[in-house]
Amino acid sequence: MDPRLAVIEERLEHVGRIVAVTGGKGGIGKSVIASTLALTLGEVMPVGLLDLDLTSPCDHLLLGVDGQFPEE
């Protein structure tokens, strides 16, 4: 068994829902929608936002986050 899978499963054990924002083309507003959705839902429940854009992630720019790194 791959130990990385166990770590992922442990970190996500308390996650109730996952909402994926996706599209087949660049520049159609996926990051804006995902950031706005996270901010809106964050007013009523704990929310996490994961930007999986490997070439040009920009959610942190939209949200004004600079110099922050996740903790283990």
PDB file of N, CA and C in Angstrom:
ATOM      1  N   MET A   1       0.838  -1.189   0.000  1.00  0.00           N
ATOM      2  CA  MET A   1       0.000   0.000   0.000  1.00  0.00           C
ATOM      3  C   MET A   1       0.880   1.249   0.000  1.00  0.00           C
ATOM      4  N   ASP A   2       0.513   2.184  -0.820  1.00  0.00           N
ATOM      5  CA  ASP A   2       1.249   3.439  -0.921  1.00  0.00           C
ATOM      6  C   ASP A   2       0.961   4.290   0.317  1.00  0.00           C
ATOM      7  N   PRO A   3       1.989   4.656   1.103  1.00  0.00           N
ATOM      8  CA  PRO A   3       1.753   5.425   2.338  1.00  0.00           C
ATOM      9  C   PRO A   3       1.167   6.817   2.065  1.00  0.00           C
ATOM     10  N   ARG A   4       1.394   7.349   0.874  1.00  0.00           N
ATOM     11  CA  ARG A   4       0.838   8.670   0.553  1.00  0.00           C
ATOM     12  C   ARG A   4      -0.678   8.631   0.534  1.00  0.00           C
ATOM     13  N   LEU A   5      -1.259   7.523   0.110  1.00  0.00           N
ATOM     14  CA  LEU A   5      -2.713   7.397   0.081  1.00  0.00           C
ATOM     15  C   LEU A   5      -3.300   7.434   1.489  1.00  0.00           C
ATOM     16  N   ALA A   6      -2.605   6.830   2.430  1.00  0.00           N
ATOM     17  CA  ALA A   6      -3.071   6.839   3.816  1.00  0.00           C
ATOM     18  C   ALA A   6      -3.052   8.257   4.380  1.00  0.00           C
ATOM     19  N   VAL A   7      -2.034   9.021   4.041  1.00  0.00           N
ATOM     20  CA  VAL A   7      -1.944  10.406   4.515  1.00  0.00           C
ATOM     21  C   VAL A   7      -3.072  11.239   3.930  1.00  0.00           C
ATOM     22  N   ILE A   8      -3.335  11.072   2.657  1.00  0.00           N
ATOM     23  CA  ILE A   8      -4.420  11.808   2.012  1.00  0.00           C
ATOM     24  C   ILE A   8      -5.749  11.441   2.655  1.00  0.00           C
ATOM     25  N   GLU A   9      -5.978  10.167   2.860  1.00  0.00           N
ATOM     26  CA  GLU A   9      -7.224   9.714   3.477  1.00  0.00           C
ATOM     27  C   GLU A   9      -7.387  10.293   4.880  1.00  0.00           C
ATOM     28  N   GLU A  10      -6.298  10.338   5.644  1.00  0.00           N
ATOM     29  CA  GLU A  10      -6.348  10.887   7.001  1.00  0.00           C
ATOM     30  C   GLU A  10      -6.666  12.380   6.983  1.00  0.00           C
ATOM     31  N   ARG A  11      -6.058  13.111   6.071  1.00  0.00           N
ATOM     32  CA  ARG A  11      -6.289  14.559   6.008  1.00  0.00           C
ATOM     33  C   ARG A  11      -7.691  14.910   5.538  1.00  0.00           C
ATOM     34  N   LEU A  12      -8.295  14.026   4.758  1.00  0.00           N
ATOM     35  CA  LEU A  12      -9.622  14.316   4.222  1.00  0.00           C
ATOM     36  C   LEU A  12     -10.751  13.634   4.993  1.00  0.00           C
ATOM     37  N   GLU A  13     -10.443  12.970   6.111  1.00  0.00           N
ATOM     38  CA  GLU A  13     -11.466  12.202   6.803  1.00  0.00           C
ATOM     39  C   GLU A  13     -12.614  13.051   7.340  1.00  0.00           C
ATOM     40  N   HIS A  14     -12.384  14.322   7.608  1.00  0.00           N
ATOM     41  CA  HIS A  14     -13.437  15.184   8.138  1.00  0.00           C
ATOM     42  C   HIS A  14     -14.075  16.055   7.057  1.00  0.00           C
ATOM     43  N   VAL A  15     -13.683  15.867   5.823  1.00  0.00           N
ATOM     44  CA  VAL A  15     -14.249  16.646   4.722  1.00  0.00           C
ATOM     45  C   VAL A  15     -15.596  16.044   4.347  1.00  0.00           C
ATOM     46  N   GLY A  16     -16.619  16.877   4.367  1.00  0.00           N
ATOM     47  CA  GLY A  16     -17.959  16.393   4.069  1.00  0.00           C
ATOM     48  C   GLY A  16     -18.306  16.458   2.598  1.00  0.00           C
ATOM     49  N   ARG A  17     -17.841  17.499   1.930  1.00  0.00           N
ATOM     50  CA  ARG A  17     -18.189  17.687   0.516  1.00  0.00           C
ATOM     51  C   ARG A  17     -17.002  18.259  -0.241  1.00  0.00           C
ATOM     52  N   ILE A  18     -16.916  17.885  -1.505  1.00  0.00           N
ATOM     53  CA  ILE A  18     -15.911  18.454  -2.406  1.00  0.00           C
ATOM     54  C   ILE A  18     -16.652  18.992  -3.618  1.00  0.00           C
ATOM     55  N   VAL A  19     -16.389  20.253  -3.944  1.00  0.00           N
ATOM     56  CA  VAL A  19     -16.992  20.878  -5.119  1.00  0.00           C
ATOM     57  C   VAL A  19     -15.860  21.174  -6.097  1.00  0.00           C
ATOM     58  N   ALA A  20     -15.935  20.610  -7.281  1.00  0.00           N
ATOM     59  CA  ALA A  20     -14.915  20.852  -8.301  1.00  0.00           C
ATOM     60  C   ALA A  20     -15.415  21.900  -9.287  1.00  0.00           C
ATOM     61  N   VAL A  21     -14.576  22.893  -9.551  1.00  0.00           N
ATOM     62  CA  VAL A  21     -14.883  23.906 -10.564  1.00  0.00           C
ATOM     63  C   VAL A  21     -13.917  23.642 -11.706  1.00  0.00           C
ATOM     64  N   THR A  22     -14.448  23.286 -12.855  1.00  0.00           N
ATOM     65  CA  THR A  22     -13.605  22.875 -13.967  1.00  0.00           C
ATOM     66  C   THR A  22     -14.152  23.375 -15.292  1.00  0.00           C
ATOM     67  N   GLY A  23     -13.317  23.369 -16.272  1.00  0.00           N
ATOM     68  CA  GLY A  23     -13.701  23.764 -17.621  1.00  0.00           C
ATOM     69  C   GLY A  23     -12.611  23.352 -18.585  1.00  0.00           C
ATOM     70  N   GLY A  24     -12.949  23.248 -19.848  1.00  0.00           N
ATOM     71  CA  GLY A  24     -12.005  22.757 -20.837  1.00  0.00           C
ATOM     72  C   GLY A  24     -11.175  23.829 -21.520  1.00  0.00           C
ATOM     73  N   LYS A  25     -11.330  25.070 -21.112  1.00  0.00           N
ATOM     74  CA  LYS A  25     -10.648  26.162 -21.796  1.00  0.00           C
ATOM     75  C   LYS A  25     -10.096  27.123 -20.756  1.00  0.00           C
ATOM     76  N   GLY A  26      -9.010  27.763 -21.074  1.00  0.00           N
ATOM     77  CA  GLY A  26      -8.451  28.775 -20.187  1.00  0.00           C
ATOM     78  C   GLY A  26      -9.168  30.109 -20.342  1.00  0.00           C
ATOM     79  N   GLY A  27      -9.131  30.907 -19.287  1.00  0.00           N
ATOM     80  CA  GLY A  27      -9.671  32.257 -19.359  1.00  0.00           C
ATOM     81  C   GLY A  27     -11.182  32.361 -19.312  1.00  0.00           C
ATOM     82  N   ILE A  28     -11.853  31.337 -18.771  1.00  0.00           N
ATOM     83  CA  ILE A  28     -13.316  31.388 -18.744  1.00  0.00           C
ATOM     84  C   ILE A  28     -13.867  31.701 -17.358  1.00  0.00           C
ATOM     85  N   GLY A  29     -12.986  31.972 -16.380  1.00  0.00           N
ATOM     86  CA  GLY A  29     -13.435  32.405 -15.062  1.00  0.00           C
ATOM     87  C   GLY A  29     -13.507  31.340 -13.993  1.00  0.00           C
ATOM     88  N   LYS A  30     -12.828  30.219 -14.209  1.00  0.00           N
ATOM     89  CA  LYS A  30     -12.861  29.144 -13.211  1.00  0.00           C
ATOM     90  C   LYS A  30     -12.307  29.609 -11.867  1.00  0.00           C
ATOM     91  N   SER A  31     -11.201  30.303 -11.878  1.00  0.00           N
ATOM     92  CA  SER A  31     -10.589  30.761 -10.629  1.00  0.00           C
ATOM     93  C   SER A  31     -11.458  31.797  -9.935  1.00  0.00           C
ATOM     94  N   VAL A  32     -12.075  32.670 -10.694  1.00  0.00           N
ATOM     95  CA  VAL A  32     -12.962  33.678 -10.103  1.00  0.00           C
ATOM     96  C   VAL A  32     -14.163  32.996  -9.456  1.00  0.00           C
ATOM     97  N   ILE A  33     -14.754  32.046 -10.156  1.00  0.00           N
ATOM     98  CA  ILE A  33     -15.907  31.319  -9.611  1.00  0.00           C
ATOM     99  C   ILE A  33     -15.501  30.539  -8.364  1.00  0.00           C
ATOM    100  N   ALA A  34     -14.383  29.813  -8.419  1.00  0.00           N
ATOM    101  CA  ALA A  34     -13.944  29.008  -7.280  1.00  0.00           C
ATOM    102  C   ALA A  34     -13.636  29.887  -6.065  1.00  0.00           C
ATOM    103  N   SER A  35     -12.962  31.005  -6.280  1.00  0.00           N
ATOM    104  CA  SER A  35     -12.631  31.912  -5.182  1.00  0.00           C
ATOM    105  C   SER A  35     -13.879  32.541  -4.584  1.00  0.00           C
ATOM    106  N   THR A  36     -14.788  32.983  -5.434  1.00  0.00           N
ATOM    107  CA  THR A  36     -16.034  33.589  -4.960  1.00  0.00           C
ATOM    108  C   THR A  36     -16.881  32.567  -4.205  1.00  0.00           C
ATOM    109  N   LEU A  37     -16.948  31.365  -4.727  1.00  0.00           N
ATOM    110  CA  LEU A  37     -17.692  30.295  -4.063  1.00  0.00           C
ATOM    111  C   LEU A  37     -17.094  29.995  -2.692  1.00  0.00           C
ATOM    112  N   ALA A  38     -15.772  29.914  -2.614  1.00  0.00           N
ATOM    113  CA  ALA A  38     -15.103  29.643  -1.341  1.00  0.00           C
ATOM    114  C   ALA A  38     -15.361  30.766  -0.339  1.00  0.00           C
ATOM    115  N   LEU A  39     -15.272  32.008  -0.775  1.00  0.00           N
ATOM    116  CA  LEU A  39     -15.533  33.134   0.120  1.00  0.00           C
ATOM    117  C   LEU A  39     -16.974  33.143   0.604  1.00  0.00           C
ATOM    118  N   THR A  40     -17.906  32.879  -0.286  1.00  0.00           N
ATOM    119  CA  THR A  40     -19.321  32.891   0.069  1.00  0.00           C
ATOM    120  C   THR A  40     -19.660  31.757   1.028  1.00  0.00           C
ATOM    121  N   LEU A  41     -19.232  30.546   0.698  1.00  0.00           N
ATOM    122  CA  LEU A  41     -19.492  29.409   1.577  1.00  0.00           C
ATOM    123  C   LEU A  41     -18.745  29.543   2.900  1.00  0.00           C
ATOM    124  N   GLY A  42     -17.590  30.203   2.866  1.00  0.00           N
ATOM    125  CA  GLY A  42     -16.793  30.402   4.074  1.00  0.00           C
ATOM    126  C   GLY A  42     -17.485  31.251   5.122  1.00  0.00           C
ATOM    127  N   GLU A  43     -18.515  31.967   4.731  1.00  0.00           N
ATOM    128  CA  GLU A  43     -19.268  32.766   5.697  1.00  0.00           C
ATOM    129  C   GLU A  43     -20.171  31.900   6.574  1.00  0.00           C
ATOM    130  N   VAL A  44     -20.468  30.683   6.139  1.00  0.00           N
ATOM    131  CA  VAL A  44     -21.380  29.829   6.898  1.00  0.00           C
ATOM    132  C   VAL A  44     -20.781  28.490   7.318  1.00  0.00           C
ATOM    133  N   MET A  45     -19.601  28.145   6.806  1.00  0.00           N
ATOM    134  CA  MET A  45     -18.983  26.865   7.162  1.00  0.00           C
ATOM    135  C   MET A  45     -17.487  26.927   6.874  1.00  0.00           C
ATOM    136  N   PRO A  46     -16.702  26.052   7.503  1.00  0.00           N
ATOM    137  CA  PRO A  46     -15.274  25.994   7.190  1.00  0.00           C
ATOM    138  C   PRO A  46     -15.071  25.542   5.743  1.00  0.00           C
ATOM    139  N   VAL A  47     -14.158  26.209   5.059  1.00  0.00           N
ATOM    140  CA  VAL A  47     -13.928  25.947   3.634  1.00  0.00           C
ATOM    141  C   VAL A  47     -12.433  25.909   3.349  1.00  0.00           C
ATOM    142  N   GLY A  48     -12.032  25.037   2.444  1.00  0.00           N
ATOM    143  CA  GLY A  48     -10.672  25.014   1.933  1.00  0.00           C
ATOM    144  C   GLY A  48     -10.715  25.205   0.431  1.00  0.00           C
ATOM    145  N   LEU A  49      -9.709  25.859  -0.112  1.00  0.00           N
ATOM    146  CA  LEU A  49      -9.634  26.090  -1.558  1.00  0.00           C
ATOM    147  C   LEU A  49      -8.293  25.581  -2.048  1.00  0.00           C
ATOM    148  N   LEU A  50      -8.320  24.670  -3.003  1.00  0.00           N
ATOM    149  CA  LEU A  50      -7.102  24.091  -3.558  1.00  0.00           C
ATOM    150  C   LEU A  50      -7.048  24.401  -5.043  1.00  0.00           C
ATOM    151  N   ASP A  51      -6.063  25.185  -5.446  1.00  0.00           N
ATOM    152  CA  ASP A  51      -5.877  25.550  -6.848  1.00  0.00           C
ATOM    153  C   ASP A  51      -4.938  24.535  -7.484  1.00  0.00           C
ATOM    154  N   LEU A  52      -5.473  23.688  -8.337  1.00  0.00           N
ATOM    155  CA  LEU A  52      -4.676  22.636  -8.968  1.00  0.00           C
ATOM    156  C   LEU A  52      -4.209  22.998 -10.370  1.00  0.00           C
ATOM    157  N   ASP A  53      -4.229  24.270 -10.710  1.00  0.00           N
ATOM    158  CA  ASP A  53      -3.722  24.715 -12.006  1.00  0.00           C
ATOM    159  C   ASP A  53      -2.200  24.627 -11.957  1.00  0.00           C
ATOM    160  N   LEU A  54      -1.633  23.667 -12.669  1.00  0.00           N
ATOM    161  CA  LEU A  54      -0.193  23.433 -12.598  1.00  0.00           C
ATOM    162  C   LEU A  54       0.627  24.443 -13.386  1.00  0.00           C
ATOM    163  N   THR A  55       0.030  25.110 -14.361  1.00  0.00           N
ATOM    164  CA  THR A  55       0.792  26.034 -15.202  1.00  0.00           C
ATOM    165  C   THR A  55       0.703  27.482 -14.742  1.00  0.00           C
ATOM    166  N   SER A  56      -0.459  27.898 -14.264  1.00  0.00           N
ATOM    167  CA  SER A  56      -0.582  29.301 -13.834  1.00  0.00           C
ATOM    168  C   SER A  56      -1.650  29.459 -12.751  1.00  0.00           C
ATOM    169  N   PRO A  57      -1.377  28.945 -11.549  1.00  0.00           N
ATOM    170  CA  PRO A  57      -2.343  29.102 -10.464  1.00  0.00           C
ATOM    171  C   PRO A  57      -2.488  30.587 -10.103  1.00  0.00           C
ATOM    172  N   CYS A  58      -3.717  31.020  -9.836  1.00  0.00           N
ATOM    173  CA  CYS A  58      -3.898  32.439  -9.534  1.00  0.00           C
ATOM    174  C   CYS A  58      -4.913  32.710  -8.433  1.00  0.00           C
ATOM    175  N   ASP A  59      -5.465  31.676  -7.808  1.00  0.00           N
ATOM    176  CA  ASP A  59      -6.439  31.918  -6.738  1.00  0.00           C
ATOM    177  C   ASP A  59      -5.838  32.775  -5.625  1.00  0.00           C
ATOM    178  N   HIS A  60      -4.577  32.538  -5.297  1.00  0.00           N
ATOM    179  CA  HIS A  60      -3.937  33.326  -4.240  1.00  0.00           C
ATOM    180  C   HIS A  60      -3.849  34.805  -4.623  1.00  0.00           C
ATOM    181  N   LEU A  61      -3.692  35.087  -5.905  1.00  0.00           N
ATOM    182  CA  LEU A  61      -3.651  36.480  -6.353  1.00  0.00           C
ATOM    183  C   LEU A  61      -5.030  37.126  -6.252  1.00  0.00           C
ATOM    184  N   LEU A  62      -6.051  36.386  -6.642  1.00  0.00           N
ATOM    185  CA  LEU A  62      -7.416  36.899  -6.569  1.00  0.00           C
ATOM    186  C   LEU A  62      -7.827  37.197  -5.131  1.00  0.00           C
ATOM    187  N   LEU A  63      -7.326  36.396  -4.206  1.00  0.00           N
ATOM    188  CA  LEU A  63      -7.694  36.551  -2.794  1.00  0.00           C
ATOM    189  C   LEU A  63      -6.726  37.439  -2.014  1.00  0.00           C
ATOM    190  N   GLY A  64      -5.665  37.909  -2.672  1.00  0.00           N
ATOM    191  CA  GLY A  64      -4.718  38.806  -2.011  1.00  0.00           C
ATOM    192  C   GLY A  64      -3.841  38.119  -0.987  1.00  0.00           C
ATOM    193  N   VAL A  65      -3.558  36.834  -1.184  1.00  0.00           N
ATOM    194  CA  VAL A  65      -2.730  36.075  -0.257  1.00  0.00           C
ATOM    195  C   VAL A  65      -1.293  36.098  -0.763  1.00  0.00           C
ATOM    196  N   ASP A  66      -0.370  36.453   0.129  1.00  0.00           N
ATOM    197  CA  ASP A  66       1.036  36.514  -0.277  1.00  0.00           C
ATOM    198  C   ASP A  66       1.907  35.961   0.844  1.00  0.00           C
ATOM    199  N   GLY A  67       2.832  35.089   0.504  1.00  0.00           N
ATOM    200  CA  GLY A  67       3.805  34.584   1.472  1.00  0.00           C
ATOM    201  C   GLY A  67       3.246  33.593   2.480  1.00  0.00           C
ATOM    202  N   GLN A  68       2.126  32.953   2.186  1.00  0.00           N
ATOM    203  CA  GLN A  68       1.540  31.969   3.088  1.00  0.00           C
ATOM    204  C   GLN A  68       1.829  30.569   2.575  1.00  0.00           C
ATOM    205  N   PHE A  69       2.148  29.678   3.491  1.00  0.00           N
ATOM    206  CA  PHE A  69       2.396  28.294   3.135  1.00  0.00           C
ATOM    207  C   PHE A  69       1.580  27.402   4.049  1.00  0.00           C
ATOM    208  N   PRO A  70       1.035  26.306   3.517  1.00  0.00           N
ATOM    209  CA  PRO A  70       0.220  25.419   4.364  1.00  0.00           C
ATOM    210  C   PRO A  70       1.062  24.743   5.440  1.00  0.00           C
ATOM    211  N   GLU A  71       0.424  24.478   6.553  1.00  0.00           N
ATOM    212  CA  GLU A  71       1.088  23.761   7.649  1.00  0.00           C
ATOM    213  C   GLU A  71       0.744  22.291   7.547  1.00  0.00           C
ATOM    214  N   GLU A  72       1.666  21.460   7.980  1.00  0.00           N
ATOM    215  CA  GLU A  72       1.424  20.018   7.927  1.00  0.00           C
ATOM    216  C   GLU A  72       0.474  19.589   9.010  1.00  0.00           C
TER     217      GLU A  72
END
